[in-house]
Amino acid sequence: QVDARVTMVRGNAKALAQAKNEKKAASKKEAKSDLKARGAALKVECGICKAPMINYHQLKQHYDSKHPKETCPPDPNAS
């Protein structure tokens, strides 16, 4: 009889643990892709190799390191 009571207590805990793990597994199955957000953040593109950049400053650094003989185009947002 002692074993039966222990099993009953564990059975309830087991059921709760299974429900908790089921909920956790369901949340992991959802795709959490941020490709659209990443694509929207890449606003500037290198005219030579078409590499996407986040801002003009990054484009200048890219030109200095990857295309040192070329001149960087002017910033379209500069006034």
PDB file of N, CA and C in Angstrom:
ATOM      1  N   GLN A   1       0.811  -1.196   0.000  1.00  0.00           N
ATOM      2  CA  GLN A   1       0.000   0.000   0.000  1.00  0.00           C
ATOM      3  C   GLN A   1       0.854   1.260   0.000  1.00  0.00           C
ATOM      4  N   VAL A   2       1.978   1.209   0.643  1.00  0.00           N
ATOM      5  CA  VAL A   2       2.829   2.388   0.699  1.00  0.00           C
ATOM      6  C   VAL A   2       3.283   2.769  -0.710  1.00  0.00           C
ATOM      7  N   ASP A   3       3.594   1.761  -1.499  1.00  0.00           N
ATOM      8  CA  ASP A   3       4.030   2.026  -2.867  1.00  0.00           C
ATOM      9  C   ASP A   3       2.916   2.660  -3.691  1.00  0.00           C
ATOM     10  N   ALA A   4       1.684   2.253  -3.461  1.00  0.00           N
ATOM     11  CA  ALA A   4       0.555   2.797  -4.213  1.00  0.00           C
ATOM     12  C   ALA A   4       0.375   4.286  -3.937  1.00  0.00           C
ATOM     13  N   ARG A   5       0.552   4.702  -2.692  1.00  0.00           N
ATOM     14  CA  ARG A   5       0.393   6.120  -2.373  1.00  0.00           C
ATOM     15  C   ARG A   5       1.525   6.938  -2.984  1.00  0.00           C
ATOM     16  N   VAL A   6       2.730   6.404  -2.952  1.00  0.00           N
ATOM     17  CA  VAL A   6       3.863   7.112  -3.549  1.00  0.00           C
ATOM     18  C   VAL A   6       3.653   7.248  -5.052  1.00  0.00           C
ATOM     19  N   THR A   7       3.128   6.199  -5.656  1.00  0.00           N
ATOM     20  CA  THR A   7       2.861   6.233  -7.088  1.00  0.00           C
ATOM     21  C   THR A   7       1.803   7.276  -7.408  1.00  0.00           C
ATOM     22  N   MET A   8       0.802   7.365  -6.582  1.00  0.00           N
ATOM     23  CA  MET A   8      -0.251   8.346  -6.810  1.00  0.00           C
ATOM     24  C   MET A   8       0.301   9.768  -6.754  1.00  0.00           C
ATOM     25  N   VAL A   9       1.158  10.019  -5.775  1.00  0.00           N
ATOM     26  CA  VAL A   9       1.740  11.354  -5.663  1.00  0.00           C
ATOM     27  C   VAL A   9       2.610  11.628  -6.878  1.00  0.00           C
ATOM     28  N   ARG A  10       3.436  10.664  -7.250  1.00  0.00           N
ATOM     29  CA  ARG A  10       4.303  10.834  -8.412  1.00  0.00           C
ATOM     30  C   ARG A  10       3.487  10.932  -9.694  1.00  0.00           C
ATOM     31  N   GLY A  11       2.364  10.225  -9.727  1.00  0.00           N
ATOM     32  CA  GLY A  11       1.513  10.273 -10.918  1.00  0.00           C
ATOM     33  C   GLY A  11       1.004  11.680 -11.176  1.00  0.00           C
ATOM     34  N   ASN A  12       0.605  12.379 -10.115  1.00  0.00           N
ATOM     35  CA  ASN A  12       0.143  13.758 -10.268  1.00  0.00           C
ATOM     36  C   ASN A  12       1.295  14.657 -10.714  1.00  0.00           C
ATOM     37  N   ALA A  13       2.460  14.486 -10.092  1.00  0.00           N
ATOM     38  CA  ALA A  13       3.616  15.299 -10.467  1.00  0.00           C
ATOM     39  C   ALA A  13       4.050  14.994 -11.895  1.00  0.00           C
ATOM     40  N   LYS A  14       3.940  13.726 -12.260  1.00  0.00           N
ATOM     41  CA  LYS A  14       4.310  13.326 -13.618  1.00  0.00           C
ATOM     42  C   LYS A  14       3.377  13.971 -14.643  1.00  0.00           C
ATOM     43  N   ALA A  15       2.090  13.966 -14.336  1.00  0.00           N
ATOM     44  CA  ALA A  15       1.118  14.575 -15.242  1.00  0.00           C
ATOM     45  C   ALA A  15       1.369  16.073 -15.376  1.00  0.00           C
ATOM     46  N   LEU A  16       1.678  16.723 -14.266  1.00  0.00           N
ATOM     47  CA  LEU A  16       1.978  18.162 -14.319  1.00  0.00           C
ATOM     48  C   LEU A  16       3.246  18.427 -15.110  1.00  0.00           C
ATOM     49  N   ALA A  17       4.261  17.588 -14.901  1.00  0.00           N
ATOM     50  CA  ALA A  17       5.521  17.752 -15.627  1.00  0.00           C
ATOM     51  C   ALA A  17       5.326  17.526 -17.118  1.00  0.00           C
ATOM     52  N   GLN A  18       4.517  16.533 -17.467  1.00  0.00           N
ATOM     53  CA  GLN A  18       4.253  16.269 -18.881  1.00  0.00           C
ATOM     54  C   GLN A  18       3.519  17.429 -19.531  1.00  0.00           C
ATOM     55  N   ALA A  19       2.553  17.993 -18.842  1.00  0.00           N
ATOM     56  CA  ALA A  19       1.816  19.133 -19.383  1.00  0.00           C
ATOM     57  C   ALA A  19       2.739  20.335 -19.570  1.00  0.00           C
ATOM     58  N   LYS A  20       3.614  20.527 -18.599  1.00  0.00           N
ATOM     59  CA  LYS A  20       4.562  21.647 -18.684  1.00  0.00           C
ATOM     60  C   LYS A  20       5.524  21.451 -19.857  1.00  0.00           C
ATOM     61  N   ASN A  21       6.049  20.244 -20.006  1.00  0.00           N
ATOM     62  CA  ASN A  21       6.970  19.960 -21.103  1.00  0.00           C
ATOM     63  C   ASN A  21       6.285  20.035 -22.458  1.00  0.00           C
ATOM     64  N   GLU A  22       5.018  19.641 -22.504  1.00  0.00           N
ATOM     65  CA  GLU A  22       4.254  19.721 -23.743  1.00  0.00           C
ATOM     66  C   GLU A  22       4.096  21.170 -24.193  1.00  0.00           C
ATOM     67  N   LYS A  23       3.795  22.025 -23.234  1.00  0.00           N
ATOM     68  CA  LYS A  23       3.642  23.451 -23.535  1.00  0.00           C
ATOM     69  C   LYS A  23       4.971  24.049 -23.993  1.00  0.00           C
ATOM     70  N   LYS A  24       6.049  23.636 -23.350  1.00  0.00           N
ATOM     71  CA  LYS A  24       7.381  24.134 -23.703  1.00  0.00           C
ATOM     72  C   LYS A  24       7.771  23.669 -25.107  1.00  0.00           C
ATOM     73  N   ALA A  25       7.483  22.418 -25.431  1.00  0.00           N
ATOM     74  CA  ALA A  25       7.803  21.879 -26.751  1.00  0.00           C
ATOM     75  C   ALA A  25       6.979  22.573 -27.835  1.00  0.00           C
ATOM     76  N   ALA A  26       5.730  22.896 -27.533  1.00  0.00           N
ATOM     77  CA  ALA A  26       4.879  23.571 -28.514  1.00  0.00           C
ATOM     78  C   ALA A  26       5.407  24.970 -28.815  1.00  0.00           C
ATOM     79  N   SER A  27       5.945  25.639 -27.808  1.00  0.00           N
ATOM     80  CA  SER A  27       6.475  26.980 -28.046  1.00  0.00           C
ATOM     81  C   SER A  27       7.771  26.923 -28.850  1.00  0.00           C
ATOM     82  N   LYS A  28       8.513  25.835 -28.728  1.00  0.00           N
ATOM     83  CA  LYS A  28       9.754  25.694 -29.497  1.00  0.00           C
ATOM     84  C   LYS A  28       9.475  25.385 -30.958  1.00  0.00           C
ATOM     85  N   LYS A  29       8.323  24.781 -31.235  1.00  0.00           N
ATOM     86  CA  LYS A  29       7.998  24.409 -32.610  1.00  0.00           C
ATOM     87  C   LYS A  29       7.693  25.616 -33.480  1.00  0.00           C
ATOM     88  N   GLU A  30       7.269  26.708 -32.872  1.00  0.00           N
ATOM     89  CA  GLU A  30       6.932  27.899 -33.636  1.00  0.00           C
ATOM     90  C   GLU A  30       8.187  28.490 -34.256  1.00  0.00           C
ATOM     91  N   ALA A  31       8.119  28.813 -35.516  1.00  0.00           N
ATOM     92  CA  ALA A  31       9.263  29.407 -36.201  1.00  0.00           C
ATOM     93  C   ALA A  31       9.434  30.846 -35.743  1.00  0.00           C
ATOM     94  N   LYS A  32      10.613  31.158 -35.297  1.00  0.00           N
ATOM     95  CA  LYS A  32      10.881  32.518 -34.829  1.00  0.00           C
ATOM     96  C   LYS A  32      11.923  33.148 -35.760  1.00  0.00           C
ATOM     97  N   SER A  33      11.504  33.398 -36.969  1.00  0.00           N
ATOM     98  CA  SER A  33      12.393  33.954 -37.974  1.00  0.00           C
ATOM     99  C   SER A  33      12.284  35.475 -37.994  1.00  0.00           C
ATOM    100  N   ASP A  34      13.422  36.118 -38.109  1.00  0.00           N
ATOM    101  CA  ASP A  34      13.433  37.573 -38.206  1.00  0.00           C
ATOM    102  C   ASP A  34      14.043  38.023 -39.529  1.00  0.00           C
ATOM    103  N   LEU A  35      13.835  37.223 -40.570  1.00  0.00           N
ATOM    104  CA  LEU A  35      14.411  37.555 -41.873  1.00  0.00           C
ATOM    105  C   LEU A  35      13.825  38.843 -42.437  1.00  0.00           C
ATOM    106  N   LYS A  36      12.542  39.082 -42.211  1.00  0.00           N
ATOM    107  CA  LYS A  36      11.922  40.308 -42.718  1.00  0.00           C
ATOM    108  C   LYS A  36      12.508  41.527 -42.021  1.00  0.00           C
ATOM    109  N   ALA A  37      12.710  41.427 -40.721  1.00  0.00           N
ATOM    110  CA  ALA A  37      13.285  42.541 -39.981  1.00  0.00           C
ATOM    111  C   ALA A  37      14.728  42.778 -40.393  1.00  0.00           C
ATOM    112  N   ARG A  38      15.472  41.714 -40.610  1.00  0.00           N
ATOM    113  CA  ARG A  38      16.865  41.858 -41.041  1.00  0.00           C
ATOM    114  C   ARG A  38      16.934  42.477 -42.433  1.00  0.00           C
ATOM    115  N   GLY A  39      16.026  42.051 -43.317  1.00  0.00           N
ATOM    116  CA  GLY A  39      16.006  42.600 -44.669  1.00  0.00           C
ATOM    117  C   GLY A  39      15.663  44.077 -44.680  1.00  0.00           C
ATOM    118  N   ALA A  40      14.781  44.491 -43.790  1.00  0.00           N
ATOM    119  CA  ALA A  40      14.395  45.895 -43.718  1.00  0.00           C
ATOM    120  C   ALA A  40      15.534  46.747 -43.157  1.00  0.00           C
ATOM    121  N   ALA A  41      16.380  46.156 -42.330  1.00  0.00           N
ATOM    122  CA  ALA A  41      17.477  46.908 -41.719  1.00  0.00           C
ATOM    123  C   ALA A  41      18.606  47.159 -42.708  1.00  0.00           C
ATOM    124  N   LEU A  42      18.745  46.321 -43.718  1.00  0.00           N
ATOM    125  CA  LEU A  42      19.823  46.479 -44.695  1.00  0.00           C
ATOM    126  C   LEU A  42      19.373  47.467 -45.764  1.00  0.00           C
ATOM    127  N   LYS A  43      19.820  48.713 -45.633  1.00  0.00           N
ATOM    128  CA  LYS A  43      19.305  49.788 -46.475  1.00  0.00           C
ATOM    129  C   LYS A  43      20.255  50.216 -47.580  1.00  0.00           C
ATOM    130  N   VAL A  44      21.568  50.014 -47.400  1.00  0.00           N
ATOM    131  CA  VAL A  44      22.557  50.476 -48.356  1.00  0.00           C
ATOM    132  C   VAL A  44      23.205  49.266 -49.011  1.00  0.00           C
ATOM    133  N   GLU A  45      23.503  49.378 -50.299  1.00  0.00           N
ATOM    134  CA  GLU A  45      24.104  48.269 -51.030  1.00  0.00           C
ATOM    135  C   GLU A  45      25.348  48.726 -51.750  1.00  0.00           C
ATOM    136  N   CYS A  46      26.389  47.908 -51.699  1.00  0.00           N
ATOM    137  CA  CYS A  46      27.625  48.221 -52.416  1.00  0.00           C
ATOM    138  C   CYS A  46      27.341  48.133 -53.912  1.00  0.00           C
ATOM    139  N   GLY A  47      27.740  49.139 -54.657  1.00  0.00           N
ATOM    140  CA  GLY A  47      27.493  49.157 -56.092  1.00  0.00           C
ATOM    141  C   GLY A  47      28.348  48.182 -56.865  1.00  0.00           C
ATOM    142  N   ILE A  48      29.444  47.742 -56.290  1.00  0.00           N
ATOM    143  CA  ILE A  48      30.361  46.848 -56.991  1.00  0.00           C
ATOM    144  C   ILE A  48      30.015  45.383 -56.748  1.00  0.00           C
ATOM    145  N   CYS A  49      29.962  44.988 -55.482  1.00  0.00           N
ATOM    146  CA  CYS A  49      29.742  43.572 -55.165  1.00  0.00           C
ATOM    147  C   CYS A  49      28.338  43.287 -54.644  1.00  0.00           C
ATOM    148  N   LYS A  50      27.501  44.295 -54.560  1.00  0.00           N
ATOM    149  CA  LYS A  50      26.105  44.160 -54.138  1.00  0.00           C
ATOM    150  C   LYS A  50      25.953  43.642 -52.699  1.00  0.00           C
ATOM    151  N   ALA A  51      26.950  43.854 -51.866  1.00  0.00           N
ATOM    152  CA  ALA A  51      26.861  43.445 -50.461  1.00  0.00           C
ATOM    153  C   ALA A  51      25.955  44.415 -49.714  1.00  0.00           C
ATOM    154  N   PRO A  52      24.998  43.905 -48.949  1.00  0.00           N
ATOM    155  CA  PRO A  52      24.094  44.792 -48.210  1.00  0.00           C
ATOM    156  C   PRO A  52      24.753  45.355 -46.952  1.00  0.00           C
ATOM    157  N   MET A  53      24.472  46.627 -46.665  1.00  0.00           N
ATOM    158  CA  MET A  53      25.005  47.299 -45.478  1.00  0.00           C
ATOM    159  C   MET A  53      23.844  47.918 -44.695  1.00  0.00           C
ATOM    160  N   ILE A  54      24.115  48.209 -43.435  1.00  0.00           N
ATOM    161  CA  ILE A  54      23.096  48.809 -42.586  1.00  0.00           C
ATOM    162  C   ILE A  54      23.038  50.316 -42.786  1.00  0.00           C
ATOM    163  N   ASN A  55      24.191  50.965 -42.895  1.00  0.00           N
ATOM    164  CA  ASN A  55      24.207  52.420 -43.025  1.00  0.00           C
ATOM    165  C   ASN A  55      25.384  52.863 -43.891  1.00  0.00           C
ATOM    166  N   TYR A  56      25.455  54.156 -44.157  1.00  0.00           N
ATOM    167  CA  TYR A  56      26.487  54.696 -45.035  1.00  0.00           C
ATOM    168  C   TYR A  56      27.877  54.556 -44.422  1.00  0.00           C
ATOM    169  N   HIS A  57      27.995  54.714 -43.120  1.00  0.00           N
ATOM    170  CA  HIS A  57      29.296  54.582 -42.452  1.00  0.00           C
ATOM    171  C   HIS A  57      29.878  53.180 -42.689  1.00  0.00           C
ATOM    172  N   GLN A  58      29.052  52.180 -42.619  1.00  0.00           N
ATOM    173  CA  GLN A  58      29.491  50.816 -42.866  1.00  0.00           C
ATOM    174  C   GLN A  58      29.897  50.651 -44.333  1.00  0.00           C
ATOM    175  N   LEU A  59      29.204  51.325 -45.234  1.00  0.00           N
ATOM    176  CA  LEU A  59      29.557  51.270 -46.653  1.00  0.00           C
ATOM    177  C   LEU A  59      30.934  51.881 -46.889  1.00  0.00           C
ATOM    178  N   LYS A  60      31.222  53.010 -46.214  1.00  0.00           N
ATOM    179  CA  LYS A  60      32.542  53.626 -46.351  1.00  0.00           C
ATOM    180  C   LYS A  60      33.636  52.684 -45.874  1.00  0.00           C
ATOM    181  N   GLN A  61      33.424  52.030 -44.750  1.00  0.00           N
ATOM    182  CA  GLN A  61      34.407  51.073 -44.237  1.00  0.00           C
ATOM    183  C   GLN A  61      34.574  49.907 -45.210  1.00  0.00           C
ATOM    184  N   HIS A  62      33.488  49.469 -45.819  1.00  0.00           N
ATOM    185  CA  HIS A  62      33.532  48.377 -46.783  1.00  0.00           C
ATOM    186  C   HIS A  62      34.364  48.779 -47.998  1.00  0.00           C
ATOM    187  N   TYR A  63      34.141  49.980 -48.502  1.00  0.00           N
ATOM    188  CA  TYR A  63      34.913  50.449 -49.651  1.00  0.00           C
ATOM    189  C   TYR A  63      36.395  50.555 -49.308  1.00  0.00           C
ATOM    190  N   ASP A  64      36.711  51.040 -48.106  1.00  0.00           N
ATOM    191  CA  ASP A  64      38.111  51.172 -47.709  1.00  0.00           C
ATOM    192  C   ASP A  64      38.809  49.815 -47.624  1.00  0.00           C
ATOM    193  N   SER A  65      38.100  48.798 -47.160  1.00  0.00           N
ATOM    194  CA  SER A  65      38.738  47.502 -46.980  1.00  0.00           C
ATOM    195  C   SER A  65      38.647  46.599 -48.207  1.00  0.00           C
ATOM    196  N   LYS A  66      37.526  46.581 -48.890  1.00  0.00           N
ATOM    197  CA  LYS A  66      37.321  45.642 -50.002  1.00  0.00           C
ATOM    198  C   LYS A  66      37.607  46.234 -51.382  1.00  0.00           C
ATOM    199  N   HIS A  67      37.382  47.534 -51.538  1.00  0.00           N
ATOM    200  CA  HIS A  67      37.578  48.181 -52.839  1.00  0.00           C
ATOM    201  C   HIS A  67      38.433  49.448 -52.651  1.00  0.00           C
ATOM    202  N   PRO A  68      39.681  49.305 -52.235  1.00  0.00           N
ATOM    203  CA  PRO A  68      40.485  50.486 -51.907  1.00  0.00           C
ATOM    204  C   PRO A  68      40.794  51.396 -53.100  1.00  0.00           C
ATOM    205  N   LYS A  69      40.790  50.866 -54.304  1.00  0.00           N
ATOM    206  CA  LYS A  69      41.100  51.685 -55.478  1.00  0.00           C
ATOM    207  C   LYS A  69      39.892  52.442 -55.993  1.00  0.00           C
ATOM    208  N   GLU A  70      38.712  52.071 -55.539  1.00  0.00           N
ATOM    209  CA  GLU A  70      37.476  52.735 -55.964  1.00  0.00           C
ATOM    210  C   GLU A  70      37.120  53.840 -54.982  1.00  0.00           C
ATOM    211  N   THR A  71      36.330  54.800 -55.462  1.00  0.00           N
ATOM    212  CA  THR A  71      35.863  55.864 -54.566  1.00  0.00           C
ATOM    213  C   THR A  71      34.457  55.528 -54.094  1.00  0.00           C
ATOM    214  N   CYS A  72      34.220  55.818 -52.848  1.00  0.00           N
ATOM    215  CA  CYS A  72      32.920  55.544 -52.258  1.00  0.00           C
ATOM    216  C   CYS A  72      31.915  56.577 -52.781  1.00  0.00           C
ATOM    217  N   PRO A  73      30.720  56.134 -53.174  1.00  0.00           N
ATOM    218  CA  PRO A  73      29.728  57.107 -53.643  1.00  0.00           C
ATOM    219  C   PRO A  73      29.312  58.034 -52.505  1.00  0.00           C
ATOM    220  N   PRO A  74      28.864  59.247 -52.840  1.00  0.00           N
ATOM    221  CA  PRO A  74      28.463  60.193 -51.783  1.00  0.00           C
ATOM    222  C   PRO A  74      27.210  59.703 -51.053  1.00  0.00           C
ATOM    223  N   ASP A  75      27.081  60.150 -49.812  1.00  0.00           N
ATOM    224  CA  ASP A  75      25.946  59.784 -48.982  1.00  0.00           C
ATOM    225  C   ASP A  75      24.687  60.446 -49.539  1.00  0.00           C
ATOM    226  N   PRO A  76      23.671  59.678 -49.909  1.00  0.00           N
ATOM    227  CA  PRO A  76      22.456  60.284 -50.473  1.00  0.00           C
ATOM    228  C   PRO A  76      21.650  61.071 -49.430  1.00  0.00           C
ATOM    229  N   ASN A  77      21.851  60.780 -48.136  1.00  0.00           N
ATOM    230  CA  ASN A  77      21.104  61.458 -47.098  1.00  0.00           C
ATOM    231  C   ASN A  77      21.805  62.705 -46.576  1.00  0.00           C
ATOM    232  N   ALA A  78      23.056  62.917 -47.017  1.00  0.00           N
ATOM    233  CA  ALA A  78      23.790  64.096 -46.547  1.00  0.00           C
ATOM    234  C   ALA A  78      23.202  65.348 -47.194  1.00  0.00           C
ATOM    235  N   SER A  79      23.142  66.408 -46.398  1.00  0.00           N
ATOM    236  CA  SER A  79      22.586  67.650 -46.954  1.00  0.00           C
ATOM    237  C   SER A  79      23.574  68.788 -46.824  1.00  0.00           C
TER     238      SER A  79
END
